[in-house]
Amino acid sequence: MRMSGSIAVLRGRLWGWRRMATTVLAAWLLATPALAGMRVVSLDMCADEYVLGLMPADQIAGVSDRAAVPESYYADRARAFARVHPTLESLLALHPDAVVRTWGGDERLLSALQQRGINVITVNDVKTFPAARDELLRVGHLLGQDAQAAAESRAMMASLDGVRPIGKGKTILYYTPSGYSAGPDTFIGEMLRALGYRLDTADPGFFYLSPEVLLSATPDVFALGFYDDPFQSRRAPGRSALIRERINDRPHLSLSGKMIACDAWYTAYDLEALSQSGVG
């Protein structure tokens, strides 16, 4: 069966990355010594996912106070660990060798930690699956978990290989209960392209769609983000009867909060499952 153009492009980019992986990883190994046996604390939910997804349990000193919320991908794992608010006192009490963050911790806190010899590892934002794989391996190396990161990378690749192009070139519009949408340069856009859809907008980044604009939109399919969250779904305009009727008039698929709250490698796992669900 002929592969859709979007899937072929995505796989081509990923295989191209594989050809460079040995050189890139060798450079990391030379540039940054891995710290085996380090104690680690994560400062925010998206950093939690890297720590919980890569670190052995006995090396996790603590996770953020949002690690077990419903939209956290590894919420079940998080319940086994101390959950801390990122203050200097609470972090020092855990005696970490390193902290991992995306947005967590202000400059004053991070500087104070570094002055005390605690390594600060910042996770970079990603907008494509090749970048997500790159970041997974980079952070895994900094955490001394090259083997686990490589295993997750292989699992990500296998899941992407299993994604069915259910969109078949149909147009799709992403929408959240708070009224926001996403453009083609976002990780949401990357996910929807991997499913074989064409975004119904060329606007970059995340942007607000007024009810009037949404009601006049004519995508083939709606992609609904965070509609599985009862709190989010109470927000206007997401609770509007007119908007709900408009969405229900067209095919739609749901992207769970766990799947899209953070942009990272494990999104591929749920993307494969979603593509097997028969939504199109």
C-alpha atoms as a PDB file:
ATOM      1  CA  MET A   1       0.000   0.000   0.000  1.00  0.00           C
ATOM      2  CA  ARG A   2       1.341   3.410  -0.935  1.00  0.00           C
ATOM      3  CA  MET A   3       2.418   5.476   2.084  1.00  0.00           C
ATOM      4  CA  SER A   4       0.908   8.972   2.481  1.00  0.00           C
ATOM      5  CA  GLY A   5       3.227  11.901   1.738  1.00  0.00           C
ATOM      6  CA  SER A   6       3.217  13.211   5.308  1.00  0.00           C
ATOM      7  CA  ILE A   7       4.159   9.840   6.804  1.00  0.00           C
ATOM      8  CA  ALA A   8       6.855   9.316   4.193  1.00  0.00           C
ATOM      9  CA  VAL A   9       8.367  12.723   4.922  1.00  0.00           C
ATOM     10  CA  LEU A  10       8.272  12.131   8.683  1.00  0.00           C
ATOM     11  CA  ARG A  11       9.933   8.736   8.412  1.00  0.00           C
ATOM     12  CA  GLY A  12      12.513  10.091   6.005  1.00  0.00           C
ATOM     13  CA  ARG A  13      13.455  12.794   8.503  1.00  0.00           C
ATOM     14  CA  LEU A  14      13.672  10.248  11.323  1.00  0.00           C
ATOM     15  CA  TRP A  15      15.829   7.846   9.307  1.00  0.00           C
ATOM     16  CA  GLY A  16      18.034  10.746   8.300  1.00  0.00           C
ATOM     17  CA  TRP A  17      18.454  11.497  11.976  1.00  0.00           C
ATOM     18  CA  ARG A  18      19.483   7.895  12.612  1.00  0.00           C
ATOM     19  CA  ARG A  19      22.396   8.236  10.200  1.00  0.00           C
ATOM     20  CA  MET A  20      23.714  11.157  12.262  1.00  0.00           C
ATOM     21  CA  ALA A  21      22.963   9.636  15.667  1.00  0.00           C
ATOM     22  CA  THR A  22      26.301   7.880  16.192  1.00  0.00           C
ATOM     23  CA  THR A  23      28.291  11.056  15.526  1.00  0.00           C
ATOM     24  CA  VAL A  24      26.031  13.228  17.687  1.00  0.00           C
ATOM     25  CA  LEU A  25      26.003  10.794  20.598  1.00  0.00           C
ATOM     26  CA  ALA A  26      29.782  10.431  20.443  1.00  0.00           C
ATOM     27  CA  ALA A  27      30.111  14.197  20.709  1.00  0.00           C
ATOM     28  CA  TRP A  28      27.906  14.230  23.812  1.00  0.00           C
ATOM     29  CA  LEU A  29      29.946  11.460  25.404  1.00  0.00           C
ATOM     30  CA  LEU A  30      33.141  13.410  24.900  1.00  0.00           C
ATOM     31  CA  ALA A  31      31.725  16.772  25.930  1.00  0.00           C
ATOM     32  CA  THR A  32      29.746  15.847  29.044  1.00  0.00           C
ATOM     33  CA  PRO A  33      30.698  13.154  31.541  1.00  0.00           C
ATOM     34  CA  ALA A  34      27.667  11.118  32.661  1.00  0.00           C
ATOM     35  CA  LEU A  35      27.072  11.034  36.402  1.00  0.00           C
ATOM     36  CA  ALA A  36      26.194   7.498  37.419  1.00  0.00           C
ATOM     37  CA  GLY A  37      24.145   7.094  40.572  1.00  0.00           C
ATOM     38  CA  MET A  38      23.108  10.741  40.851  1.00  0.00           C
ATOM     39  CA  ARG A  39      20.110  11.757  42.952  1.00  0.00           C
ATOM     40  CA  VAL A  40      17.663  13.796  40.889  1.00  0.00           C
ATOM     41  CA  VAL A  41      14.688  16.077  41.546  1.00  0.00           C
ATOM     42  CA  SER A  42      12.378  17.451  38.835  1.00  0.00           C
ATOM     43  CA  LEU A  43      10.949  20.963  39.199  1.00  0.00           C
ATOM     44  CA  ASP A  44       7.879  20.943  36.936  1.00  0.00           C
ATOM     45  CA  MET A  45       5.492  18.521  35.254  1.00  0.00           C
ATOM     46  CA  CYS A  46       7.226  18.296  31.873  1.00  0.00           C
ATOM     47  CA  ALA A  47      10.575  17.715  33.577  1.00  0.00           C
ATOM     48  CA  ASP A  48       8.883  15.046  35.717  1.00  0.00           C
ATOM     49  CA  GLU A  49       8.205  13.014  32.573  1.00  0.00           C
ATOM     50  CA  TYR A  50      11.915  12.770  31.739  1.00  0.00           C
ATOM     51  CA  VAL A  51      12.861  11.825  35.292  1.00  0.00           C
ATOM     52  CA  LEU A  52      10.046   9.311  35.720  1.00  0.00           C
ATOM     53  CA  GLY A  53      10.540   7.902  32.232  1.00  0.00           C
ATOM     54  CA  LEU A  54      14.314   7.491  32.417  1.00  0.00           C
ATOM     55  CA  MET A  55      15.600   7.274  35.990  1.00  0.00           C
ATOM     56  CA  PRO A  56      15.748   4.213  38.264  1.00  0.00           C
ATOM     57  CA  ALA A  57      13.429   4.623  41.242  1.00  0.00           C
ATOM     58  CA  ASP A  58      16.282   4.624  43.763  1.00  0.00           C
ATOM     59  CA  GLN A  59      17.828   7.687  42.085  1.00  0.00           C
ATOM     60  CA  ILE A  60      14.666   9.824  42.117  1.00  0.00           C
ATOM     61  CA  ALA A  61      14.862  12.028  45.198  1.00  0.00           C
ATOM     62  CA  GLY A  62      11.646  13.875  44.395  1.00  0.00           C
ATOM     63  CA  VAL A  63       9.300  15.143  41.698  1.00  0.00           C
ATOM     64  CA  SER A  64       7.277  18.311  41.293  1.00  0.00           C
ATOM     65  CA  ASP A  65       4.023  19.006  43.089  1.00  0.00           C
ATOM     66  CA  ARG A  66       2.187  18.482  39.777  1.00  0.00           C
ATOM     67  CA  ALA A  67       3.729  15.120  38.919  1.00  0.00           C
ATOM     68  CA  ALA A  68       0.573  13.178  39.812  1.00  0.00           C
ATOM     69  CA  VAL A  69      -2.091  15.446  38.248  1.00  0.00           C
ATOM     70  CA  PRO A  70      -4.335  13.720  35.658  1.00  0.00           C
ATOM     71  CA  GLU A  71      -2.569  15.237  32.629  1.00  0.00           C
ATOM     72  CA  SER A  72       0.851  13.996  33.764  1.00  0.00           C
ATOM     73  CA  TYR A  73       1.878  11.117  31.487  1.00  0.00           C
ATOM     74  CA  TYR A  74       3.625   9.180  34.254  1.00  0.00           C
ATOM     75  CA  ALA A  75       1.227  10.169  37.061  1.00  0.00           C
ATOM     76  CA  ASP A  76       0.964   6.574  38.307  1.00  0.00           C
ATOM     77  CA  ARG A  77       4.740   6.322  38.741  1.00  0.00           C
ATOM     78  CA  ALA A  78       4.901   9.719  40.436  1.00  0.00           C
ATOM     79  CA  ARG A  79       2.802   8.624  43.399  1.00  0.00           C
ATOM     80  CA  ALA A  80       5.703   6.580  44.731  1.00  0.00           C
ATOM     81  CA  PHE A  81       7.933   9.649  45.251  1.00  0.00           C
ATOM     82  CA  ALA A  82       8.073  12.758  47.380  1.00  0.00           C
ATOM     83  CA  ARG A  83       6.364  15.689  45.627  1.00  0.00           C
ATOM     84  CA  VAL A  84       7.918  19.047  46.379  1.00  0.00           C
ATOM     85  CA  HIS A  85       7.297  22.710  45.674  1.00  0.00           C
ATOM     86  CA  PRO A  86      10.452  24.209  44.124  1.00  0.00           C
ATOM     87  CA  THR A  87      11.892  26.244  46.984  1.00  0.00           C
ATOM     88  CA  LEU A  88      15.546  26.237  47.968  1.00  0.00           C
ATOM     89  CA  GLU A  89      14.838  24.785  51.412  1.00  0.00           C
ATOM     90  CA  SER A  90      12.654  21.937  50.170  1.00  0.00           C
ATOM     91  CA  LEU A  91      15.138  21.006  47.447  1.00  0.00           C
ATOM     92  CA  LEU A  92      18.214  21.097  49.664  1.00  0.00           C
ATOM     93  CA  ALA A  93      16.459  18.825  52.141  1.00  0.00           C
ATOM     94  CA  LEU A  94      16.426  16.122  49.464  1.00  0.00           C
ATOM     95  CA  HIS A  95      20.201  16.368  48.834  1.00  0.00           C
ATOM     96  CA  PRO A  96      20.004  16.138  45.019  1.00  0.00           C
ATOM     97  CA  ASP A  97      23.018  16.004  42.737  1.00  0.00           C
ATOM     98  CA  ALA A  98      20.950  17.458  39.891  1.00  0.00           C
ATOM     99  CA  VAL A  99      17.597  19.091  39.223  1.00  0.00           C
ATOM    100  CA  VAL A 100      15.727  18.805  35.928  1.00  0.00           C
ATOM    101  CA  ARG A 101      13.456  21.579  34.672  1.00  0.00           C
ATOM    102  CA  THR A 102      11.622  22.961  31.678  1.00  0.00           C
ATOM    103  CA  TRP A 103      10.025  26.122  33.077  1.00  0.00           C
ATOM    104  CA  GLY A 104      10.250  25.383  36.808  1.00  0.00           C
ATOM    105  CA  GLY A 105      12.392  27.489  39.122  1.00  0.00           C
ATOM    106  CA  ASP A 106      13.261  31.163  38.776  1.00  0.00           C
ATOM    107  CA  GLU A 107      16.754  32.500  38.097  1.00  0.00           C
ATOM    108  CA  ARG A 108      17.416  33.200  41.766  1.00  0.00           C
ATOM    109  CA  LEU A 109      16.609  29.604  42.754  1.00  0.00           C
ATOM    110  CA  LEU A 110      18.613  28.094  39.903  1.00  0.00           C
ATOM    111  CA  SER A 111      21.619  30.265  40.703  1.00  0.00           C
ATOM    112  CA  ALA A 112      21.445  29.293  44.383  1.00  0.00           C
ATOM    113  CA  LEU A 113      21.372  25.602  43.462  1.00  0.00           C
ATOM    114  CA  GLN A 114      24.338  25.922  41.127  1.00  0.00           C
ATOM    115  CA  GLN A 115      26.320  27.813  43.746  1.00  0.00           C
ATOM    116  CA  ARG A 116      25.879  24.793  45.998  1.00  0.00           C
ATOM    117  CA  GLY A 117      27.232  22.437  43.351  1.00  0.00           C
ATOM    118  CA  ILE A 118      23.859  21.102  42.186  1.00  0.00           C
ATOM    119  CA  ASN A 119      23.695  20.546  38.446  1.00  0.00           C
ATOM    120  CA  VAL A 120      20.737  22.210  36.667  1.00  0.00           C
ATOM    121  CA  ILE A 121      19.553  20.337  33.560  1.00  0.00           C
ATOM    122  CA  THR A 122      17.134  22.307  31.382  1.00  0.00           C
ATOM    123  CA  VAL A 123      14.908  20.433  28.935  1.00  0.00           C
ATOM    124  CA  ASN A 124      14.561  22.226  25.606  1.00  0.00           C
ATOM    125  CA  ASP A 125      11.294  22.833  23.792  1.00  0.00           C
ATOM    126  CA  VAL A 126      10.689  20.556  20.791  1.00  0.00           C
ATOM    127  CA  LYS A 127       8.351  20.928  17.817  1.00  0.00           C
ATOM    128  CA  THR A 128       9.065  17.788  15.783  1.00  0.00           C
ATOM    129  CA  PHE A 129       9.545  14.094  16.457  1.00  0.00           C
ATOM    130  CA  PRO A 130      13.197  14.142  15.331  1.00  0.00           C
ATOM    131  CA  ALA A 131      13.806  16.989  17.797  1.00  0.00           C
ATOM    132  CA  ALA A 132      11.978  15.039  20.518  1.00  0.00           C
ATOM    133  CA  ARG A 133      14.237  12.043  19.906  1.00  0.00           C
ATOM    134  CA  ASP A 134      17.296  14.300  19.950  1.00  0.00           C
ATOM    135  CA  GLU A 135      16.237  15.837  23.263  1.00  0.00           C
ATOM    136  CA  LEU A 136      15.420  12.456  24.793  1.00  0.00           C
ATOM    137  CA  LEU A 137      18.932  11.187  24.077  1.00  0.00           C
ATOM    138  CA  ARG A 138      20.580  14.434  25.201  1.00  0.00           C
ATOM    139  CA  VAL A 139      18.764  14.546  28.549  1.00  0.00           C
ATOM    140  CA  GLY A 140      19.213  10.799  29.006  1.00  0.00           C
ATOM    141  CA  HIS A 141      22.957  11.232  28.642  1.00  0.00           C
ATOM    142  CA  LEU A 142      23.088  14.123  31.113  1.00  0.00           C
ATOM    143  CA  LEU A 143      21.213  11.927  33.588  1.00  0.00           C
ATOM    144  CA  GLY A 144      23.604   9.036  33.051  1.00  0.00           C
ATOM    145  CA  GLN A 145      20.803   6.989  31.472  1.00  0.00           C
ATOM    146  CA  ASP A 146      22.000   6.472  27.892  1.00  0.00           C
ATOM    147  CA  ALA A 147      20.740   2.892  27.685  1.00  0.00           C
ATOM    148  CA  GLN A 148      17.252   3.723  28.936  1.00  0.00           C
ATOM    149  CA  ALA A 149      17.014   6.762  26.655  1.00  0.00           C
ATOM    150  CA  ALA A 150      18.079   4.617  23.689  1.00  0.00           C
ATOM    151  CA  ALA A 151      15.422   2.034  24.581  1.00  0.00           C
ATOM    152  CA  GLU A 152      12.738   4.731  24.740  1.00  0.00           C
ATOM    153  CA  SER A 153      14.009   6.113  21.440  1.00  0.00           C
ATOM    154  CA  ARG A 154      13.614   2.716  19.784  1.00  0.00           C
ATOM    155  CA  ALA A 155      10.119   2.377  21.245  1.00  0.00           C
ATOM    156  CA  MET A 156       9.227   5.834  19.910  1.00  0.00           C
ATOM    157  CA  MET A 157      10.433   4.891  16.440  1.00  0.00           C
ATOM    158  CA  ALA A 158       8.462   1.640  16.539  1.00  0.00           C
ATOM    159  CA  SER A 159       5.308   3.504  17.538  1.00  0.00           C
ATOM    160  CA  LEU A 160       5.743   6.053  14.763  1.00  0.00           C
ATOM    161  CA  ASP A 161       6.207   3.201  12.303  1.00  0.00           C
ATOM    162  CA  GLY A 162       2.867   1.839  13.544  1.00  0.00           C
ATOM    163  CA  VAL A 163       0.915   5.086  13.118  1.00  0.00           C
ATOM    164  CA  ARG A 164      -1.812   4.671  10.502  1.00  0.00           C
ATOM    165  CA  PRO A 165      -2.400   7.710   8.227  1.00  0.00           C
ATOM    166  CA  ILE A 166      -6.084   7.907   9.151  1.00  0.00           C
ATOM    167  CA  GLY A 167      -6.398  11.512   7.977  1.00  0.00           C
ATOM    168  CA  LYS A 168      -5.884  10.598   4.312  1.00  0.00           C
ATOM    169  CA  GLY A 169      -5.210  14.250   3.465  1.00  0.00           C
ATOM    170  CA  LYS A 170      -8.336  15.633   5.155  1.00  0.00           C
ATOM    171  CA  THR A 171      -8.175  19.085   6.740  1.00  0.00           C
ATOM    172  CA  ILE A 172      -8.198  19.322  10.520  1.00  0.00           C
ATOM    173  CA  LEU A 173      -8.519  22.148  13.041  1.00  0.00           C
ATOM    174  CA  TYR A 174      -7.212  21.874  16.609  1.00  0.00           C
ATOM    175  CA  TYR A 175      -9.395  23.419  19.314  1.00  0.00           C
ATOM    176  CA  THR A 176      -9.375  23.553  23.117  1.00  0.00           C
ATOM    177  CA  PRO A 177     -12.130  24.476  25.604  1.00  0.00           C
ATOM    178  CA  SER A 178     -10.323  27.772  26.273  1.00  0.00           C
ATOM    179  CA  GLY A 179     -10.667  28.697  22.605  1.00  0.00           C
ATOM    180  CA  TYR A 180      -7.071  28.172  21.462  1.00  0.00           C
ATOM    181  CA  SER A 181      -5.813  26.506  18.306  1.00  0.00           C
ATOM    182  CA  ALA A 182      -2.371  25.465  17.039  1.00  0.00           C
ATOM    183  CA  GLY A 183      -0.460  26.076  13.835  1.00  0.00           C
ATOM    184  CA  PRO A 184       1.709  23.840  11.666  1.00  0.00           C
ATOM    185  CA  ASP A 185       4.939  24.876  13.434  1.00  0.00           C
ATOM    186  CA  THR A 186       3.855  23.344  16.766  1.00  0.00           C
ATOM    187  CA  PHE A 187       4.208  19.822  18.134  1.00  0.00           C
ATOM    188  CA  ILE A 188       0.426  19.532  17.815  1.00  0.00           C
ATOM    189  CA  GLY A 189       0.838  20.255  14.107  1.00  0.00           C
ATOM    190  CA  GLU A 190       3.534  17.593  13.866  1.00  0.00           C
ATOM    191  CA  MET A 191       1.282  15.022  15.515  1.00  0.00           C
ATOM    192  CA  LEU A 192      -1.662  15.755  13.232  1.00  0.00           C
ATOM    193  CA  ARG A 193       0.531  15.573  10.129  1.00  0.00           C
ATOM    194  CA  ALA A 194       1.832  12.198  11.312  1.00  0.00           C
ATOM    195  CA  LEU A 195      -1.797  11.035  11.364  1.00  0.00           C
ATOM    196  CA  GLY A 196      -2.135  12.051   7.724  1.00  0.00           C
ATOM    197  CA  TYR A 197      -4.087  15.292   8.179  1.00  0.00           C
ATOM    198  CA  ARG A 198      -3.547  18.759   6.690  1.00  0.00           C
ATOM    199  CA  LEU A 199      -3.957  21.628   9.127  1.00  0.00           C
ATOM    200  CA  ASP A 200      -6.805  23.979   8.287  1.00  0.00           C
ATOM    201  CA  THR A 201      -4.673  26.991   9.246  1.00  0.00           C
ATOM    202  CA  ALA A 202      -1.303  28.445   8.321  1.00  0.00           C
ATOM    203  CA  ASP A 203      -1.159  30.684  11.399  1.00  0.00           C
ATOM    204  CA  PRO A 204       1.966  30.016  13.491  1.00  0.00           C
ATOM    205  CA  GLY A 205       2.154  28.977  17.109  1.00  0.00           C
ATOM    206  CA  PHE A 206      -0.823  28.886  19.447  1.00  0.00           C
ATOM    207  CA  PHE A 207      -3.562  31.448  18.917  1.00  0.00           C
ATOM    208  CA  TYR A 208      -7.077  32.313  20.058  1.00  0.00           C
ATOM    209  CA  LEU A 209     -10.052  31.503  17.850  1.00  0.00           C
ATOM    210  CA  SER A 210     -13.098  33.601  18.637  1.00  0.00           C
ATOM    211  CA  PRO A 211     -16.456  31.768  18.691  1.00  0.00           C
ATOM    212  CA  GLU A 212     -17.431  33.635  15.522  1.00  0.00           C
ATOM    213  CA  VAL A 213     -14.348  32.389  13.677  1.00  0.00           C
ATOM    214  CA  LEU A 214     -14.803  28.834  14.887  1.00  0.00           C
ATOM    215  CA  LEU A 215     -18.461  28.736  13.896  1.00  0.00           C
ATOM    216  CA  SER A 216     -17.514  29.785  10.372  1.00  0.00           C
ATOM    217  CA  ALA A 217     -14.641  27.272  10.069  1.00  0.00           C
ATOM    218  CA  THR A 218     -15.143  24.297   7.764  1.00  0.00           C
ATOM    219  CA  PRO A 219     -12.446  21.705   8.475  1.00  0.00           C
ATOM    220  CA  ASP A 220     -13.154  18.102   7.589  1.00  0.00           C
ATOM    221  CA  VAL A 221     -12.292  17.067  11.145  1.00  0.00           C
ATOM    222  CA  PHE A 222     -11.857  18.764  14.528  1.00  0.00           C
ATOM    223  CA  ALA A 223      -9.009  17.731  16.856  1.00  0.00           C
ATOM    224  CA  LEU A 224     -10.122  18.417  20.417  1.00  0.00           C
ATOM    225  CA  GLY A 225      -7.446  19.055  23.028  1.00  0.00           C
ATOM    226  CA  PHE A 226      -8.066  18.766  26.791  1.00  0.00           C
ATOM    227  CA  TYR A 227     -11.768  17.991  26.347  1.00  0.00           C
ATOM    228  CA  ASP A 228     -11.196  15.010  28.643  1.00  0.00           C
ATOM    229  CA  ASP A 229     -10.476  17.486  31.476  1.00  0.00           C
ATOM    230  CA  PRO A 230     -13.724  18.370  33.336  1.00  0.00           C
ATOM    231  CA  PHE A 231     -12.253  21.634  34.649  1.00  0.00           C
ATOM    232  CA  GLN A 232     -11.040  22.758  31.213  1.00  0.00           C
ATOM    233  CA  SER A 233     -14.364  21.798  29.634  1.00  0.00           C
ATOM    234  CA  ARG A 234     -16.245  24.167  31.938  1.00  0.00           C
ATOM    235  CA  ARG A 235     -14.460  27.124  30.389  1.00  0.00           C
ATOM    236  CA  ALA A 236     -16.110  29.504  27.938  1.00  0.00           C
ATOM    237  CA  PRO A 237     -16.209  29.215  24.969  1.00  0.00           C
ATOM    238  CA  GLY A 238     -15.688  25.453  25.244  1.00  0.00           C
ATOM    239  CA  ARG A 239     -18.957  25.043  27.143  1.00  0.00           C
ATOM    240  CA  SER A 240     -20.951  27.032  24.566  1.00  0.00           C
ATOM    241  CA  ALA A 241     -23.880  25.018  23.202  1.00  0.00           C
ATOM    242  CA  LEU A 242     -23.360  26.507  19.738  1.00  0.00           C
ATOM    243  CA  ILE A 243     -19.699  25.496  19.644  1.00  0.00           C
ATOM    244  CA  ARG A 244     -20.401  22.015  20.944  1.00  0.00           C
ATOM    245  CA  GLU A 245     -23.107  21.615  18.316  1.00  0.00           C
ATOM    246  CA  ARG A 246     -20.710  22.825  15.590  1.00  0.00           C
ATOM    247  CA  ILE A 247     -18.066  20.330  16.682  1.00  0.00           C
ATOM    248  CA  ASN A 248     -20.555  17.477  16.967  1.00  0.00           C
ATOM    249  CA  ASP A 249     -21.757  18.149  13.422  1.00  0.00           C
ATOM    250  CA  ARG A 250     -18.365  17.075  12.067  1.00  0.00           C
ATOM    251  CA  PRO A 251     -16.053  14.130  12.669  1.00  0.00           C
ATOM    252  CA  HIS A 252     -13.694  14.792  15.545  1.00  0.00           C
ATOM    253  CA  LEU A 253     -10.932  13.092  17.454  1.00  0.00           C
ATOM    254  CA  SER A 254      -9.867  13.699  21.023  1.00  0.00           C
ATOM    255  CA  LEU A 255      -6.268  14.360  22.105  1.00  0.00           C
ATOM    256  CA  SER A 256      -6.046  13.594  25.825  1.00  0.00           C
ATOM    257  CA  GLY A 257      -4.358  15.932  28.276  1.00  0.00           C
ATOM    258  CA  LYS A 258      -1.747  13.247  28.999  1.00  0.00           C
ATOM    259  CA  MET A 259      -0.910  13.132  25.315  1.00  0.00           C
ATOM    260  CA  ILE A 260      -0.455  16.857  24.692  1.00  0.00           C
ATOM    261  CA  ALA A 261       0.295  18.597  28.002  1.00  0.00           C
ATOM    262  CA  CYS A 262       4.037  18.301  27.278  1.00  0.00           C
ATOM    263  CA  ASP A 263       5.878  17.847  23.990  1.00  0.00           C
ATOM    264  CA  ALA A 264       8.064  14.764  24.261  1.00  0.00           C
ATOM    265  CA  TRP A 265       8.900  11.340  22.828  1.00  0.00           C
ATOM    266  CA  TYR A 266       6.175   9.353  24.606  1.00  0.00           C
ATOM    267  CA  THR A 267       3.466  11.177  22.618  1.00  0.00           C
ATOM    268  CA  ALA A 268       4.243   8.694  19.838  1.00  0.00           C
ATOM    269  CA  TYR A 269       2.943   5.837  22.003  1.00  0.00           C
ATOM    270  CA  ASP A 270      -0.561   7.316  22.304  1.00  0.00           C
ATOM    271  CA  LEU A 271      -0.471   8.565  18.711  1.00  0.00           C
ATOM    272  CA  GLU A 272      -0.117   5.000  17.478  1.00  0.00           C
ATOM    273  CA  ALA A 273      -3.025   3.887  19.671  1.00  0.00           C
ATOM    274  CA  LEU A 274      -5.161   6.798  18.463  1.00  0.00           C
ATOM    275  CA  SER A 275      -4.471   5.926  14.824  1.00  0.00           C
ATOM    276  CA  GLN A 276      -5.667   2.375  15.468  1.00  0.00           C
ATOM    277  CA  SER A 277      -8.975   3.564  16.933  1.00  0.00           C
ATOM    278  CA  GLY A 278     -10.661   3.986  13.571  1.00  0.00           C
ATOM    279  CA  VAL A 279     -11.237   7.741  13.799  1.00  0.00           C
ATOM    280  CA  GLY A 280     -10.846   9.384  10.418  1.00  0.00           C
END
